[in-house]
Amino acid sequence: MRNVLGSGRISNPDEWNSILRQLEDSGVEIKFRDGNMAYAPGLRDGNPGQIVIDSDASLSALKHEYQHFLDAQAEGFPSLGKQMFEEPQNRIIKELRAYMVEIKEADKLGLKNVSAQLFENYREEREYIINEFMLLGGN
């Protein structure tokens, strides 16, 4: 989406800043790192974790990571271990939910090729989760 709409902080600074404020107000540590985007749960239950985001990421990429935060918040912020290793099926569902935030945005803008690429990105992430976590003894 960044290739089409540009950096979220430039193309839509109000929404970009609003999301970052909500994260900060919830106790999430925000780190800006070129080329990286991720939500990482806290090491202990109840810790809201960390978001790593490229300062030039698209707004939809920030919304994707924000969705991961919202999912963790709804579950009471389970620890990194619980989210990454104990419940891989739930991780797949959450990954789809986060990608759907971006896919719906691309569809709304008529960007079918972007939607298709985002869905392919999800499929790759799902395969990674299956191969790295489920096949190694996870649920």
C-alpha atoms as a PDB file:
ATOM      1  CA  MET A   1       0.000   0.000   0.000  1.00  0.00           C
ATOM      2  CA  ARG A   2       2.884   2.361   0.665  1.00  0.00           C
ATOM      3  CA  ASN A   3       3.867   2.171  -3.010  1.00  0.00           C
ATOM      4  CA  VAL A   4       0.362   3.344  -3.935  1.00  0.00           C
ATOM      5  CA  LEU A   5      -0.642   5.706  -1.115  1.00  0.00           C
ATOM      6  CA  GLY A   6       2.710   6.681   0.341  1.00  0.00           C
ATOM      7  CA  SER A   7       3.711   7.038   3.953  1.00  0.00           C
ATOM      8  CA  GLY A   8       0.779   7.058   6.371  1.00  0.00           C
ATOM      9  CA  ARG A   9       2.283   9.801   8.501  1.00  0.00           C
ATOM     10  CA  ILE A  10       2.330  12.038   5.408  1.00  0.00           C
ATOM     11  CA  SER A  11      -0.802  10.907   3.534  1.00  0.00           C
ATOM     12  CA  ASN A  12      -3.027  10.771   6.619  1.00  0.00           C
ATOM     13  CA  PRO A  13      -1.204  12.312   9.583  1.00  0.00           C
ATOM     14  CA  ASP A  14      -4.297  12.770  11.766  1.00  0.00           C
ATOM     15  CA  GLU A  15      -5.260   9.088  11.722  1.00  0.00           C
ATOM     16  CA  TRP A  16      -1.608   7.982  11.917  1.00  0.00           C
ATOM     17  CA  ASN A  17      -1.017  10.125  15.009  1.00  0.00           C
ATOM     18  CA  SER A  18      -4.349   9.116  16.564  1.00  0.00           C
ATOM     19  CA  ILE A  19      -3.444   5.419  16.382  1.00  0.00           C
ATOM     20  CA  LEU A  20       0.009   6.067  17.832  1.00  0.00           C
ATOM     21  CA  ARG A  21      -1.527   8.103  20.670  1.00  0.00           C
ATOM     22  CA  GLN A  22      -3.990   5.311  21.469  1.00  0.00           C
ATOM     23  CA  LEU A  23      -1.130   2.829  21.587  1.00  0.00           C
ATOM     24  CA  GLU A  24       0.976   5.068  23.814  1.00  0.00           C
ATOM     25  CA  ASP A  25      -1.985   5.752  26.108  1.00  0.00           C
ATOM     26  CA  SER A  26      -2.413   1.980  26.469  1.00  0.00           C
ATOM     27  CA  GLY A  27       1.193   1.537  27.538  1.00  0.00           C
ATOM     28  CA  VAL A  28       2.536   0.100  24.294  1.00  0.00           C
ATOM     29  CA  GLU A  29       6.205   0.787  23.624  1.00  0.00           C
ATOM     30  CA  ILE A  30       6.571   2.227  20.105  1.00  0.00           C
ATOM     31  CA  LYS A  31       9.828   1.832  18.207  1.00  0.00           C
ATOM     32  CA  PHE A  32      10.504   3.187  14.743  1.00  0.00           C
ATOM     33  CA  ARG A  33      12.785   1.012  12.647  1.00  0.00           C
ATOM     34  CA  ASP A  34      13.297   1.240   8.891  1.00  0.00           C
ATOM     35  CA  GLY A  35      11.923  -1.739   7.005  1.00  0.00           C
ATOM     36  CA  ASN A  36      10.312  -3.388  10.048  1.00  0.00           C
ATOM     37  CA  MET A  37       6.709  -3.750  11.162  1.00  0.00           C
ATOM     38  CA  ALA A  38       5.549  -5.964  13.998  1.00  0.00           C
ATOM     39  CA  TYR A  39       3.478  -6.160  17.137  1.00  0.00           C
ATOM     40  CA  ALA A  40       5.238  -8.065  19.902  1.00  0.00           C
ATOM     41  CA  PRO A  41       3.316  -9.125  23.014  1.00  0.00           C
ATOM     42  CA  GLY A  42       4.856  -8.440  26.408  1.00  0.00           C
ATOM     43  CA  LEU A  43       7.002 -11.052  28.112  1.00  0.00           C
ATOM     44  CA  ARG A  44       4.518 -11.338  30.988  1.00  0.00           C
ATOM     45  CA  ASP A  45       0.738 -11.588  31.024  1.00  0.00           C
ATOM     46  CA  GLY A  46      -0.895  -8.167  31.206  1.00  0.00           C
ATOM     47  CA  ASN A  47       1.952  -6.286  29.507  1.00  0.00           C
ATOM     48  CA  PRO A  48       0.672  -4.497  26.362  1.00  0.00           C
ATOM     49  CA  GLY A  49       3.915  -5.112  24.490  1.00  0.00           C
ATOM     50  CA  GLN A  50       5.631  -3.248  21.722  1.00  0.00           C
ATOM     51  CA  ILE A  51       4.965  -2.072  18.185  1.00  0.00           C
ATOM     52  CA  VAL A  52       7.833  -1.723  15.755  1.00  0.00           C
ATOM     53  CA  ILE A  53       6.941   0.337  12.710  1.00  0.00           C
ATOM     54  CA  ASP A  54       8.786   1.895   9.809  1.00  0.00           C
ATOM     55  CA  SER A  55       8.222   5.654  10.061  1.00  0.00           C
ATOM     56  CA  ASP A  56       7.420   5.634   6.337  1.00  0.00           C
ATOM     57  CA  ALA A  57       5.010   2.670   6.492  1.00  0.00           C
ATOM     58  CA  SER A  58       1.566   2.938   4.971  1.00  0.00           C
ATOM     59  CA  LEU A  59      -1.382   3.718   7.189  1.00  0.00           C
ATOM     60  CA  SER A  60      -2.753   0.259   6.416  1.00  0.00           C
ATOM     61  CA  ALA A  61       0.467  -1.344   7.713  1.00  0.00           C
ATOM     62  CA  LEU A  62       0.089   0.575  10.970  1.00  0.00           C
ATOM     63  CA  LYS A  63      -3.571  -0.500  11.138  1.00  0.00           C
ATOM     64  CA  HIS A  64      -2.463  -4.117  10.594  1.00  0.00           C
ATOM     65  CA  GLU A  65      -0.154  -3.972  13.607  1.00  0.00           C
ATOM     66  CA  TYR A  66      -2.774  -2.047  15.574  1.00  0.00           C
ATOM     67  CA  GLN A  67      -5.222  -4.915  14.928  1.00  0.00           C
ATOM     68  CA  HIS A  68      -2.725  -7.298  16.541  1.00  0.00           C
ATOM     69  CA  PHE A  69      -2.656  -4.973  19.551  1.00  0.00           C
ATOM     70  CA  LEU A  70      -6.477  -4.886  19.677  1.00  0.00           C
ATOM     71  CA  ASP A  71      -6.628  -8.690  19.569  1.00  0.00           C
ATOM     72  CA  ALA A  72      -4.113  -8.942  22.411  1.00  0.00           C
ATOM     73  CA  GLN A  73      -5.971  -6.276  24.395  1.00  0.00           C
ATOM     74  CA  ALA A  74      -9.274  -8.158  24.000  1.00  0.00           C
ATOM     75  CA  GLU A  75      -7.581 -11.243  25.498  1.00  0.00           C
ATOM     76  CA  GLY A  76      -6.067  -9.337  28.436  1.00  0.00           C
ATOM     77  CA  PHE A  77      -2.578  -9.160  26.892  1.00  0.00           C
ATOM     78  CA  PRO A  78      -1.401 -12.775  27.078  1.00  0.00           C
ATOM     79  CA  SER A  79       2.373 -13.140  27.214  1.00  0.00           C
ATOM     80  CA  LEU A  80       4.630 -13.607  24.216  1.00  0.00           C
ATOM     81  CA  GLY A  81       5.008 -17.304  24.995  1.00  0.00           C
ATOM     82  CA  LYS A  82       1.280 -17.894  25.135  1.00  0.00           C
ATOM     83  CA  GLN A  83       0.626 -16.034  21.902  1.00  0.00           C
ATOM     84  CA  MET A  84       3.530 -17.375  19.888  1.00  0.00           C
ATOM     85  CA  PHE A  85       3.831 -20.974  21.012  1.00  0.00           C
ATOM     86  CA  GLU A  86       0.816 -22.240  22.927  1.00  0.00           C
ATOM     87  CA  GLU A  87      -1.953 -21.264  20.515  1.00  0.00           C
ATOM     88  CA  PRO A  88      -0.740 -21.342  16.887  1.00  0.00           C
ATOM     89  CA  GLN A  89      -4.251 -21.758  15.427  1.00  0.00           C
ATOM     90  CA  ASN A  90      -5.319 -18.551  17.125  1.00  0.00           C
ATOM     91  CA  ARG A  91      -2.240 -16.838  15.729  1.00  0.00           C
ATOM     92  CA  ILE A  92      -3.299 -17.827  12.202  1.00  0.00           C
ATOM     93  CA  ILE A  93      -6.791 -16.413  12.784  1.00  0.00           C
ATOM     94  CA  LYS A  94      -5.379 -13.174  14.174  1.00  0.00           C
ATOM     95  CA  GLU A  95      -2.994 -12.855  11.239  1.00  0.00           C
ATOM     96  CA  LEU A  96      -5.906 -13.205   8.824  1.00  0.00           C
ATOM     97  CA  ARG A  97      -7.870 -10.604  10.779  1.00  0.00           C
ATOM     98  CA  ALA A  98      -4.948  -8.157  10.580  1.00  0.00           C
ATOM     99  CA  TYR A  99      -4.404  -8.751   6.866  1.00  0.00           C
ATOM    100  CA  MET A 100      -8.126  -8.296   6.232  1.00  0.00           C
ATOM    101  CA  VAL A 101      -7.846  -4.749   7.612  1.00  0.00           C
ATOM    102  CA  GLU A 102      -5.430  -4.006   4.782  1.00  0.00           C
ATOM    103  CA  ILE A 103      -7.232  -6.068   2.146  1.00  0.00           C
ATOM    104  CA  LYS A 104     -10.557  -4.340   2.806  1.00  0.00           C
ATOM    105  CA  GLU A 105      -8.849  -0.956   2.521  1.00  0.00           C
ATOM    106  CA  ALA A 106      -7.260  -1.926  -0.805  1.00  0.00           C
ATOM    107  CA  ASP A 107     -10.587  -3.302  -2.086  1.00  0.00           C
ATOM    108  CA  LYS A 108     -12.376  -0.104  -1.067  1.00  0.00           C
ATOM    109  CA  LEU A 109      -9.877   1.840  -3.181  1.00  0.00           C
ATOM    110  CA  GLY A 110     -10.270  -0.548  -6.130  1.00  0.00           C
ATOM    111  CA  LEU A 111      -6.715  -1.857  -5.791  1.00  0.00           C
ATOM    112  CA  LYS A 112      -7.377  -5.515  -6.615  1.00  0.00           C
ATOM    113  CA  ASN A 113      -3.725  -6.234  -7.403  1.00  0.00           C
ATOM    114  CA  VAL A 114      -2.722  -4.909  -3.972  1.00  0.00           C
ATOM    115  CA  SER A 115      -5.464  -6.998  -2.336  1.00  0.00           C
ATOM    116  CA  ALA A 116      -4.190 -10.095  -4.115  1.00  0.00           C
ATOM    117  CA  GLN A 117      -0.615  -9.431  -2.980  1.00  0.00           C
ATOM    118  CA  LEU A 118      -1.724  -8.844   0.604  1.00  0.00           C
ATOM    119  CA  PHE A 119      -3.635 -12.139   0.584  1.00  0.00           C
ATOM    120  CA  GLU A 120      -0.549 -13.884  -0.762  1.00  0.00           C
ATOM    121  CA  ASN A 121       1.471 -12.297   2.058  1.00  0.00           C
ATOM    122  CA  TYR A 122      -1.060 -13.740   4.513  1.00  0.00           C
ATOM    123  CA  ARG A 123      -0.758 -17.196   2.941  1.00  0.00           C
ATOM    124  CA  GLU A 124       3.030 -17.054   3.319  1.00  0.00           C
ATOM    125  CA  GLU A 125       2.698 -15.986   6.960  1.00  0.00           C
ATOM    126  CA  ARG A 126       0.204 -18.808   7.585  1.00  0.00           C
ATOM    127  CA  GLU A 127       2.601 -21.352   6.080  1.00  0.00           C
ATOM    128  CA  TYR A 128       5.399 -20.009   8.261  1.00  0.00           C
ATOM    129  CA  ILE A 129       3.254 -20.393  11.393  1.00  0.00           C
ATOM    130  CA  ILE A 130       2.206 -23.915  10.400  1.00  0.00           C
ATOM    131  CA  ASN A 131       5.743 -25.027   9.581  1.00  0.00           C
ATOM    132  CA  GLU A 132       7.516 -23.345  12.489  1.00  0.00           C
ATOM    133  CA  PHE A 133       5.014 -23.695  15.316  1.00  0.00           C
ATOM    134  CA  MET A 134       2.256 -26.219  14.617  1.00  0.00           C
ATOM    135  CA  LEU A 135       4.462 -28.933  13.157  1.00  0.00           C
ATOM    136  CA  LEU A 136       6.890 -28.640  16.071  1.00  0.00           C
ATOM    137  CA  GLY A 137       4.400 -29.732  18.685  1.00  0.00           C
ATOM    138  CA  GLY A 138       2.051 -26.784  18.998  1.00  0.00           C
ATOM    139  CA  ASN A 139      -1.709 -27.183  19.018  1.00  0.00           C
END
